[in-house]
């Protein structure tokens, strides 16, 4: 399987790279260019300024503190960019956003910008609904500075490429962590688990008095790929476009998780959906979730006095860490003037100040070395949230899920299989066999539905 591997140079802490992109936040100096447009010059590049105001929608699924931080950043963009107004439109959670995008595509009412997973974006690319960003990126006047562009890690930057064309850029990226109650582990003299065997034993020792050692989000089956990777397998082969659910490695991963649930030392939080409640109420002591869950865990545990921390994912046959999140894309169904305005927001997203705010205020990682290495963010790590340093430690074995057309069918059917197994409706072998068949069917149907006529 072709996975997007991250081979970063991590200096000090975490993530990626882009230097400062074009900014309109300070020292804007207007000049006329060719009589048809104006430009605010900064950092050797120009920021496009439309002659007439461009109002464009940006569809997103950021709620809670993530949404509040995004809204503040959009507000700052609007205040610092002449004749451009980005309107952030919350469309619900991810599935609701994607359903609305699908409906908008059919109704020819797609927004200018949207956050979207690359495996969802594939269908829109196939239908020629997504803008070719290459000319904008390479534009000598309004594009990226080559030094900035070349500083973006290929693992993130090129994940949004199809046939050599950039169709999207990284938007929100986070890692999956192991969350744990530090005091509970210390009380029982349990070391932070680093392997599957250690995790199982820790769950056994922590279970008792009405609490379980380990808790999973309701969506554990959707986010199951890192367990499979740790077992030595994959969920999809992009080279052959083959679903890989019904394989020995997937079965091994399912057996590991299911056996702990059946032993009553672990549970799936079906009622509330997330590990936040059980962890904060001391009903469970170890859980797994994305870094996007950090603001909720932080707030809930502060209210209950739980001393929580995060650690790297424990390894199975090998170490594997899922880095997930969406890209930002521009649809080509809008006028050219609006596209040029929308691209300014895409560039703004990678400015250092923007990424410092995003890294501090959201559950996601800053997307530039300049932001992550800044004094402000380093102080934030030291005094408020060291968890994002843990993400940096996992870069050597990080990967992203494949972006095959309708790849979500794989995740959805793995979730269904897990629920059927836990409910006792099917054996692991039968559930995975059925999931393999159904996911393959749905992917083939998607290919037929989105194939250009």
Protein backbone atom coordinates (compact mmCIF):
# COMPACT_ATOMS: atom_id res chain seq x y z
CA UNK A 1 0.00 0.00 0.00
CA UNK A 2 1.23 3.49 -0.77
CA UNK A 3 1.05 5.40 2.46
CA UNK A 4 1.88 9.05 2.96
CA UNK A 5 4.90 8.83 5.25
CA UNK A 6 6.24 11.88 7.07
CA UNK A 7 9.99 12.38 6.83
CA UNK A 8 10.33 15.68 8.61
CA UNK A 9 13.20 17.56 10.05
CA UNK A 10 11.84 18.27 13.52
CA UNK A 11 13.76 21.10 15.13
CA UNK A 12 12.80 21.70 18.74
CA UNK A 13 9.29 20.29 18.39
CA UNK A 14 6.77 19.04 16.03
CA UNK A 15 5.48 19.54 12.73
CA UNK A 16 5.89 20.58 9.34
CA UNK A 17 7.17 23.50 7.65
CA UNK A 18 6.28 26.47 5.56
CA UNK A 19 7.86 29.73 6.47
CA UNK A 20 5.80 32.89 6.59
CA UNK A 21 3.44 33.10 3.66
CA UNK A 22 2.01 36.22 2.21
CA UNK A 23 0.48 38.34 4.94
CA UNK A 24 -1.65 41.42 4.95
CA UNK A 25 -1.55 41.91 8.66
CA UNK A 26 1.18 44.51 8.94
CA UNK A 27 2.88 47.09 6.82
CA UNK A 28 0.45 46.88 3.91
CA UNK A 29 1.55 49.16 1.10
CA UNK A 30 -0.81 49.50 -1.84
CA UNK A 31 0.45 49.81 -5.38
CA UNK A 32 -1.31 49.78 -8.71
CA UNK A 33 -0.58 46.89 -11.07
CA UNK A 34 -1.56 46.97 -14.74
CA UNK A 35 -4.58 49.14 -14.01
CA UNK A 36 -6.83 46.15 -13.40
CA UNK A 37 -5.94 45.18 -9.86
CA UNK A 38 -4.17 46.41 -6.77
CA UNK A 39 -1.66 44.59 -4.64
CA UNK A 40 -0.47 44.87 -1.08
CA UNK A 41 3.24 44.11 -1.16
CA UNK A 42 4.89 42.19 1.66
CA UNK A 43 7.77 39.75 2.13
CA UNK A 44 8.68 40.08 -1.54
CA UNK A 45 5.29 38.80 -2.69
CA UNK A 46 2.02 40.51 -3.49
CA UNK A 47 -1.33 40.00 -1.84
CA UNK A 48 -4.13 40.21 -4.36
CA UNK A 49 -6.67 42.97 -3.72
CA UNK A 50 -9.84 42.75 -5.83
CA UNK A 51 -11.16 46.00 -7.28
CA UNK A 52 -14.67 44.98 -6.17
CA UNK A 53 -15.46 43.28 -2.90
CA UNK A 54 -15.50 39.47 -3.03
CA UNK A 55 -17.65 37.63 -0.48
CA UNK A 56 -17.02 33.90 -0.35
CA UNK A 57 -18.13 31.02 1.84
CA UNK A 58 -15.84 28.61 3.62
CA UNK A 59 -17.65 25.45 4.75
CA UNK A 60 -16.23 23.72 7.81
CA UNK A 61 -16.97 21.28 10.63
CA UNK A 62 -15.06 22.92 13.46
CA UNK A 63 -17.06 23.06 16.70
CA UNK A 64 -16.24 24.03 20.28
CA UNK A 65 -12.86 25.64 20.90
CA UNK A 66 -11.69 24.56 17.45
CA UNK A 67 -14.56 26.49 15.89
CA UNK A 68 -14.05 29.52 18.12
CA UNK A 69 -10.39 29.68 17.14
CA UNK A 70 -11.23 29.34 13.46
CA UNK A 71 -13.83 32.10 13.66
CA UNK A 72 -11.29 34.43 15.28
CA UNK A 73 -8.73 33.74 12.57
CA UNK A 74 -11.25 34.34 9.79
CA UNK A 75 -12.25 37.60 11.46
CA UNK A 76 -8.61 38.70 11.50
CA UNK A 77 -8.24 37.81 7.82
CA UNK A 78 -11.29 39.87 6.91
CA UNK A 79 -10.02 42.83 8.90
CA UNK A 80 -6.62 42.77 7.25
CA UNK A 81 -7.51 42.01 3.63
CA UNK A 82 -9.06 44.68 1.47
CA UNK A 83 -12.21 43.82 -0.51
CA UNK A 84 -12.25 40.17 0.61
CA UNK A 85 -14.74 38.74 3.08
CA UNK A 86 -14.61 35.07 4.00
CA UNK A 87 -17.82 33.82 5.57
CA UNK A 88 -17.22 30.70 7.69
CA UNK A 89 -20.23 28.40 7.54
CA UNK A 90 -20.46 25.62 10.12
CA UNK A 91 -22.16 22.68 8.44
CA UNK A 92 -22.27 20.29 11.38
CA UNK A 93 -19.91 17.45 12.05
CA UNK A 94 -17.80 15.84 9.35
CA UNK A 95 -20.41 13.47 7.96
CA UNK A 96 -22.98 16.27 7.76
CA UNK A 97 -20.49 18.54 6.02
CA UNK A 98 -19.68 15.90 3.44
CA UNK A 99 -23.36 15.14 2.82
CA UNK A 100 -24.05 18.83 2.26
CA UNK A 101 -21.10 19.12 -0.11
CA UNK A 102 -22.46 16.19 -2.10
CA UNK A 103 -25.85 17.84 -2.30
CA UNK A 104 -24.31 21.16 -3.29
CA UNK A 105 -22.33 19.49 -6.07
CA UNK A 106 -25.51 18.04 -7.51
CA UNK A 107 -27.33 21.36 -7.15
CA UNK A 108 -24.39 23.34 -8.60
CA UNK A 109 -24.11 25.41 -5.42
CA UNK A 110 -20.69 24.47 -4.09
CA UNK A 111 -18.96 27.04 -1.88
CA UNK A 112 -15.68 28.72 -2.77
CA UNK A 113 -13.72 26.87 -0.07
CA UNK A 114 -14.25 23.85 2.09
CA UNK A 115 -12.37 21.57 4.41
CA UNK A 116 -12.50 17.97 3.21
CA UNK A 117 -10.68 14.68 3.55
CA UNK A 118 -8.62 13.79 0.51
CA UNK A 119 -10.41 10.47 0.12
CA UNK A 120 -13.66 12.46 -0.17
CA UNK A 121 -12.15 15.02 -2.49
CA UNK A 122 -11.24 12.35 -5.06
CA UNK A 123 -14.81 12.20 -6.36
CA UNK A 124 -14.91 15.95 -6.95
CA UNK A 125 -11.56 15.84 -8.71
CA UNK A 126 -12.87 13.12 -11.02
CA UNK A 127 -15.81 15.35 -11.88
CA UNK A 128 -13.65 18.40 -12.64
CA UNK A 129 -15.13 20.40 -9.78
CA UNK A 130 -11.87 21.29 -8.04
CA UNK A 131 -9.54 24.11 -8.97
CA UNK A 132 -6.03 23.43 -10.24
CA UNK A 133 -3.89 25.20 -7.65
CA UNK A 134 -0.59 24.79 -9.47
CA UNK A 135 -0.78 28.04 -11.49
CA UNK A 136 -1.73 29.97 -8.36
CA UNK A 137 1.01 28.39 -6.26
CA UNK A 138 3.62 29.07 -8.95
CA UNK A 139 2.43 32.58 -9.87
CA UNK A 140 5.46 34.87 -9.90
CA UNK A 141 3.58 37.75 -8.30
CA UNK A 142 0.83 36.28 -6.14
CA UNK A 143 1.98 32.71 -5.54
CA UNK A 144 4.12 31.14 -2.85
CA UNK A 145 7.69 32.19 -2.35
CA UNK A 146 9.72 29.15 -3.58
CA UNK A 147 11.60 29.02 -0.28
CA UNK A 148 8.30 28.82 1.55
CA UNK A 149 6.80 26.23 -0.76
CA UNK A 150 9.86 24.00 -0.65
CA UNK A 151 9.80 24.13 3.14
CA UNK A 152 6.45 22.33 3.31
CA UNK A 153 6.88 18.62 4.15
CA UNK A 154 6.02 16.50 1.16
CA UNK A 155 3.96 14.11 3.30
CA UNK A 156 1.40 16.82 3.93
CA UNK A 157 1.86 19.10 0.95
CA UNK A 158 1.55 16.47 -1.73
CA UNK A 159 -1.20 14.41 -0.15
CA UNK A 160 -3.59 16.73 -1.96
CA UNK A 161 -2.18 15.94 -5.40
CA UNK A 162 -3.81 14.07 -8.25
CA UNK A 163 -1.78 13.37 -11.40
CA UNK A 164 0.80 15.97 -10.44
CA UNK A 165 -1.77 18.70 -9.77
CA UNK A 166 -2.28 20.22 -6.33
CA UNK A 167 -5.98 20.26 -5.57
CA UNK A 168 -5.83 20.99 -1.85
CA UNK A 169 -3.49 22.09 0.94
CA UNK A 170 -3.25 20.94 4.58
CA UNK A 171 -5.82 22.54 6.86
CA UNK A 172 -6.20 20.78 10.21
CA UNK A 173 -3.83 17.99 11.15
CA UNK A 174 -3.64 16.06 14.37
CA UNK A 175 -2.18 12.89 15.77
CA UNK A 176 -3.81 10.06 17.66
CA UNK A 177 -2.72 9.85 21.27
CA UNK A 178 -3.04 7.56 24.25
CA UNK A 179 -4.68 9.66 26.99
CA UNK A 180 -4.21 8.52 30.57
CA UNK A 181 -4.88 9.42 34.19
CA UNK A 182 -1.40 9.95 35.56
CA UNK A 183 -2.37 9.67 39.23
CA UNK A 184 -4.25 6.41 38.68
CA UNK A 185 -1.24 4.80 37.04
CA UNK A 186 1.13 6.05 39.74
CA UNK A 187 -1.17 4.82 42.49
CA UNK A 188 -0.89 1.27 41.17
CA UNK A 189 2.76 1.66 40.20
CA UNK A 190 1.96 1.10 36.53
CA UNK A 191 4.38 2.40 33.91
CA UNK A 192 2.87 4.16 30.91
CA UNK A 193 2.20 1.34 28.41
CA UNK A 194 4.44 1.26 25.35
CA UNK A 195 3.36 -2.09 23.85
CA UNK A 196 0.12 -3.99 23.30
CA UNK A 197 1.00 -6.46 26.03
CA UNK A 198 1.71 -3.67 28.49
CA UNK A 199 -1.55 -1.97 27.56
CA UNK A 200 -3.56 -5.12 28.23
CA UNK A 201 -1.87 -5.66 31.59
CA UNK A 202 -2.36 -2.04 32.61
CA UNK A 203 -6.06 -2.28 31.74
CA UNK A 204 -6.38 -5.36 33.93
CA UNK A 205 -4.73 -3.71 36.91
CA UNK A 206 -6.74 -0.51 36.58
CA UNK A 207 -10.12 -2.24 36.29
CA UNK A 208 -12.18 -2.44 39.46
CA UNK A 209 -14.58 -0.62 41.77
CA UNK A 210 -16.98 0.05 38.92
CA UNK A 211 -14.32 1.43 36.59
CA UNK A 212 -12.60 -0.08 33.57
CA UNK A 213 -8.99 0.34 32.65
CA UNK A 214 -9.50 1.27 29.02
CA UNK A 215 -12.11 3.23 27.06
CA UNK A 216 -12.57 3.80 23.32
CA UNK A 217 -14.54 6.41 21.39
CA UNK A 218 -17.72 5.16 19.79
CA UNK A 219 -15.98 5.65 16.44
CA UNK A 220 -13.10 3.30 17.33
CA UNK A 221 -13.88 1.16 14.27
CA UNK A 222 -13.70 4.17 11.96
CA UNK A 223 -10.34 5.15 13.41
CA UNK A 224 -9.08 1.57 13.51
CA UNK A 225 -6.36 1.75 10.89
CA UNK A 226 -3.51 2.45 13.33
CA UNK A 227 -4.23 -0.80 15.17
CA UNK A 228 -4.05 -2.58 11.80
CA UNK A 229 -0.81 -0.83 10.88
CA UNK A 230 0.65 -1.80 14.24
CA UNK A 231 -0.30 -5.41 13.50
CA UNK A 232 1.73 -5.17 10.30
CA UNK A 233 -1.15 -4.69 7.87
CA UNK A 234 -2.98 -2.02 5.85
CA UNK A 235 -6.62 -1.33 5.16
CA UNK A 236 -6.25 -0.51 1.45
CA UNK A 237 -3.78 -0.96 -1.38
CA UNK A 238 -3.86 2.21 -3.47
CA UNK A 239 -1.70 0.73 -6.22
CA UNK A 240 -4.21 -2.05 -6.95
CA UNK A 241 -7.26 -0.27 -5.49
CA UNK A 242 -7.92 -3.27 -3.27
CA UNK A 243 -9.73 -3.25 0.07
CA UNK A 244 -7.75 -5.17 2.70
CA UNK A 245 -10.23 -5.67 5.55
CA UNK A 246 -10.41 -9.47 5.42
CA UNK A 247 -6.75 -10.12 6.15
CA UNK A 248 -4.79 -11.84 8.96
CA UNK A 249 -3.39 -8.53 10.21
CA UNK A 250 -6.82 -6.91 10.51
CA UNK A 251 -8.13 -10.00 12.28
CA UNK A 252 -5.23 -9.84 14.72
CA UNK A 253 -5.98 -6.20 15.52
CA UNK A 254 -9.68 -6.91 16.02
CA UNK A 255 -8.92 -9.86 18.27
CA UNK A 256 -6.70 -7.68 20.45
CA UNK A 257 -9.33 -4.97 20.98
CA UNK A 258 -12.34 -7.29 21.19
CA UNK A 259 -10.66 -9.63 23.65
CA UNK A 260 -10.14 -6.78 26.12
CA UNK A 261 -13.78 -5.74 25.77
CA UNK A 262 -14.92 -9.32 26.33
CA UNK A 263 -12.66 -9.53 29.38
CA UNK A 264 -14.44 -6.42 30.73
CA UNK A 265 -11.20 -4.49 31.12
CA UNK A 266 -12.13 -2.17 28.25
CA UNK A 267 -15.29 -0.65 26.85
CA UNK A 268 -16.56 1.38 23.92
CA UNK A 269 -18.31 4.58 25.01
CA UNK A 270 -21.45 4.17 22.93
CA UNK A 271 -23.65 6.43 25.05
CA UNK A 272 -21.64 9.67 25.09
CA UNK A 273 -19.56 8.88 22.04
CA UNK A 274 -16.22 10.06 23.36
CA UNK A 275 -13.67 9.12 25.99
CA UNK A 276 -13.86 12.57 27.57
CA UNK A 277 -16.62 11.80 30.07
CA UNK A 278 -15.34 8.47 31.38
CA UNK A 279 -11.76 9.76 31.68
CA UNK A 280 -12.77 12.97 33.45
CA UNK A 281 -15.12 11.12 35.84
CA UNK A 282 -12.53 8.45 36.68
CA UNK A 283 -14.73 5.76 35.15
CA UNK A 284 -11.82 4.79 32.90
CA UNK A 285 -8.13 5.59 33.06
CA UNK A 286 -6.68 5.09 29.57
CA UNK A 287 -8.25 6.08 26.27
CA UNK A 288 -7.43 6.74 22.63
CA UNK A 289 -8.45 9.78 20.61
CA UNK A 290 -7.18 12.41 18.21
CA UNK A 291 -5.37 15.50 19.37
CA UNK A 292 -8.53 17.38 18.36
CA UNK A 293 -10.01 16.03 21.59
CA UNK A 294 -7.49 17.91 23.73
CA UNK A 295 -9.62 21.04 24.39
CA UNK A 296 -12.55 18.92 25.58
CA UNK A 297 -10.37 16.67 27.76
CA UNK A 298 -8.59 19.69 29.18
CA UNK A 299 -11.81 21.45 30.14
CA UNK A 300 -13.55 18.37 31.52
CA UNK A 301 -10.60 17.17 33.58
CA UNK A 302 -9.96 20.65 34.96
CA UNK A 303 -13.50 20.64 36.32
CA UNK A 304 -13.06 17.27 38.03
CA UNK A 305 -9.44 17.56 39.09
CA UNK A 306 -8.16 14.68 36.97
CA UNK A 307 -4.44 14.90 36.21
CA UNK A 308 -4.30 13.74 32.60
CA UNK A 309 -1.49 13.37 30.12
CA UNK A 310 -0.92 11.96 26.65
CA UNK A 311 1.62 9.45 25.43
CA UNK A 312 2.70 7.89 22.17
CA UNK A 313 0.58 5.07 20.84
CA UNK A 314 1.76 1.67 22.13
CA UNK A 315 3.33 -0.54 19.51
CA UNK A 316 2.20 -3.95 18.33
CA UNK A 317 4.41 -5.83 15.89
CA UNK A 318 5.62 -2.41 14.88
CA UNK A 319 5.08 1.23 15.78
CA UNK A 320 2.56 3.18 13.71
CA UNK A 321 0.92 6.54 14.40
CA UNK A 322 -2.05 7.86 12.46
CA UNK A 323 -1.92 11.53 11.58
CA UNK A 324 -5.29 12.63 10.35
CA UNK A 325 -7.21 15.72 9.39
CA UNK A 326 -8.61 17.53 6.42
CA UNK A 327 -7.26 19.68 3.64
CA UNK A 328 -8.68 22.96 2.39
CA UNK A 329 -9.80 22.97 -1.23
CA UNK A 330 -11.15 25.48 -3.72
CA UNK A 331 -13.96 24.52 -6.07
CA UNK A 332 -13.78 25.74 -9.65
CA UNK A 333 -17.46 26.65 -9.87
CA UNK A 334 -16.86 30.24 -8.74
CA UNK A 335 -15.75 33.27 -10.79
CA UNK A 336 -12.02 33.81 -11.34
CA UNK A 337 -11.98 36.98 -9.25
CA UNK A 338 -13.46 35.04 -6.33
CA UNK A 339 -10.91 32.28 -6.82
CA UNK A 340 -8.08 34.76 -6.54
CA UNK A 341 -9.57 36.12 -3.34
CA UNK A 342 -10.09 32.61 -1.95
CA UNK A 343 -6.48 31.71 -2.65
CA UNK A 344 -5.38 34.63 -0.48
CA UNK A 345 -7.15 32.94 2.44
CA UNK A 346 -5.40 29.68 1.66
CA UNK A 347 -2.05 31.48 1.83
CA UNK A 348 -3.05 33.34 4.99
CA UNK A 349 -3.71 30.03 6.69
CA UNK A 350 0.03 29.30 6.76
CA UNK A 351 1.19 32.63 8.14
CA UNK A 352 3.21 32.28 11.32
CA UNK A 353 0.86 34.29 13.50
CA UNK A 354 -2.11 32.34 12.16
CA UNK A 355 -0.52 29.01 12.94
CA UNK A 356 0.57 30.03 16.43
CA UNK A 357 -3.03 30.94 17.25
CA UNK A 358 -4.29 27.73 15.62
CA UNK A 359 -1.75 25.56 17.44
CA UNK A 360 -2.54 27.11 20.81
CA UNK A 361 -6.30 27.48 20.53
CA UNK A 362 -7.31 24.30 18.73
CA UNK A 363 -6.67 20.63 19.23
CA UNK A 364 -4.56 20.56 16.08
CA UNK A 365 -0.90 21.01 15.31
CA UNK A 366 0.73 24.16 13.94
CA UNK A 367 1.52 23.67 10.26
CA UNK A 368 4.77 25.62 10.09
CA UNK A 369 8.20 25.33 11.63
CA UNK A 370 8.18 29.08 12.14
CA UNK A 371 5.08 28.80 14.32
CA UNK A 372 6.06 25.65 16.17
CA UNK A 373 9.54 26.97 16.96
CA UNK A 374 8.38 30.43 17.95
CA UNK A 375 9.04 31.62 21.49
CA UNK A 376 5.31 32.03 22.07
CA UNK A 377 4.44 28.48 21.09
CA UNK A 378 7.42 27.00 22.90
CA UNK A 379 6.28 28.73 26.09
CA UNK A 380 2.79 27.39 25.48
CA UNK A 381 4.18 23.86 25.27
CA UNK A 382 6.19 24.28 28.45
CA UNK A 383 3.48 25.84 30.57
CA UNK A 384 0.09 24.80 29.19
CA UNK A 385 0.09 21.90 26.76
CA UNK A 386 3.14 19.68 26.20
CA UNK A 387 1.05 17.13 24.31
CA UNK A 388 2.00 18.40 20.89
CA UNK A 389 5.62 17.53 21.61
CA UNK A 390 4.42 13.94 21.88
CA UNK A 391 3.11 14.21 18.33
CA UNK A 392 6.56 15.23 17.15
CA UNK A 393 8.02 12.15 18.77
CA UNK A 394 5.78 9.96 16.59
CA UNK A 395 6.79 11.50 13.27
CA UNK A 396 9.34 8.76 12.45
CA UNK A 397 6.52 6.20 12.18
CA UNK A 398 3.63 8.44 11.16
CA UNK A 399 1.30 7.77 8.24
CA UNK A 400 -1.95 9.04 6.74
CA UNK A 401 -4.90 6.97 5.61
CA UNK A 402 -5.13 6.33 1.84
CA UNK A 403 -7.23 8.63 -0.34
CA UNK A 404 -8.94 6.18 -2.69
CA UNK A 405 -12.36 7.17 -4.01
CA UNK A 406 -15.01 6.74 -1.29
CA UNK A 407 -12.36 5.47 1.09
CA UNK A 408 -14.71 6.27 3.94
CA UNK A 409 -16.61 3.11 2.98
CA UNK A 410 -13.70 1.13 4.40
CA UNK A 411 -13.82 2.93 7.72
CA UNK A 412 -17.61 2.82 7.97
CA UNK A 413 -17.74 -0.90 7.32
CA UNK A 414 -14.94 -1.58 9.79
CA UNK A 415 -17.00 0.32 12.38
CA UNK A 416 -20.09 -1.72 11.55
CA UNK A 417 -18.09 -4.94 11.79
CA UNK A 418 -16.77 -4.03 15.23
CA UNK A 419 -20.22 -3.18 16.51
CA UNK A 420 -21.59 -6.50 15.22
CA UNK A 421 -18.75 -8.41 16.86
CA UNK A 422 -19.11 -6.67 20.22
CA UNK A 423 -22.88 -7.22 20.14
CA UNK A 424 -22.32 -10.92 19.55
CA UNK A 425 -24.10 -10.87 16.20
CA UNK A 426 -21.11 -12.09 14.18
CA UNK A 427 -17.74 -13.68 14.67
CA UNK A 428 -14.65 -11.68 13.82
CA UNK A 429 -14.08 -13.79 10.71
CA UNK A 430 -17.62 -13.39 9.40
CA UNK A 431 -17.87 -9.69 10.22
CA UNK A 432 -14.62 -8.87 8.44
CA UNK A 433 -15.54 -11.01 5.45
CA UNK A 434 -18.84 -9.15 5.13
CA UNK A 435 -17.16 -5.78 5.65
CA UNK A 436 -14.65 -6.58 2.91
CA UNK A 437 -17.43 -7.39 0.45
CA UNK A 438 -19.58 -4.39 1.35
CA UNK A 439 -16.75 -1.84 1.31
CA UNK A 440 -15.56 -3.15 -2.05
CA UNK A 441 -19.09 -2.90 -3.41
CA UNK A 442 -19.54 0.68 -2.18
CA UNK A 443 -16.21 1.78 -3.62
CA UNK A 444 -17.03 0.25 -7.00
CA UNK A 445 -20.44 1.93 -6.94
CA UNK A 446 -18.77 5.25 -6.18
CA UNK A 447 -16.44 4.80 -9.13
CA UNK A 448 -19.41 4.19 -11.41
CA UNK A 449 -21.35 7.14 -10.01
CA UNK A 450 -18.49 9.61 -10.30
CA UNK A 451 -16.86 8.34 -13.46
CA UNK A 452 -16.94 10.96 -16.17
CA UNK A 453 -19.37 10.12 -18.94
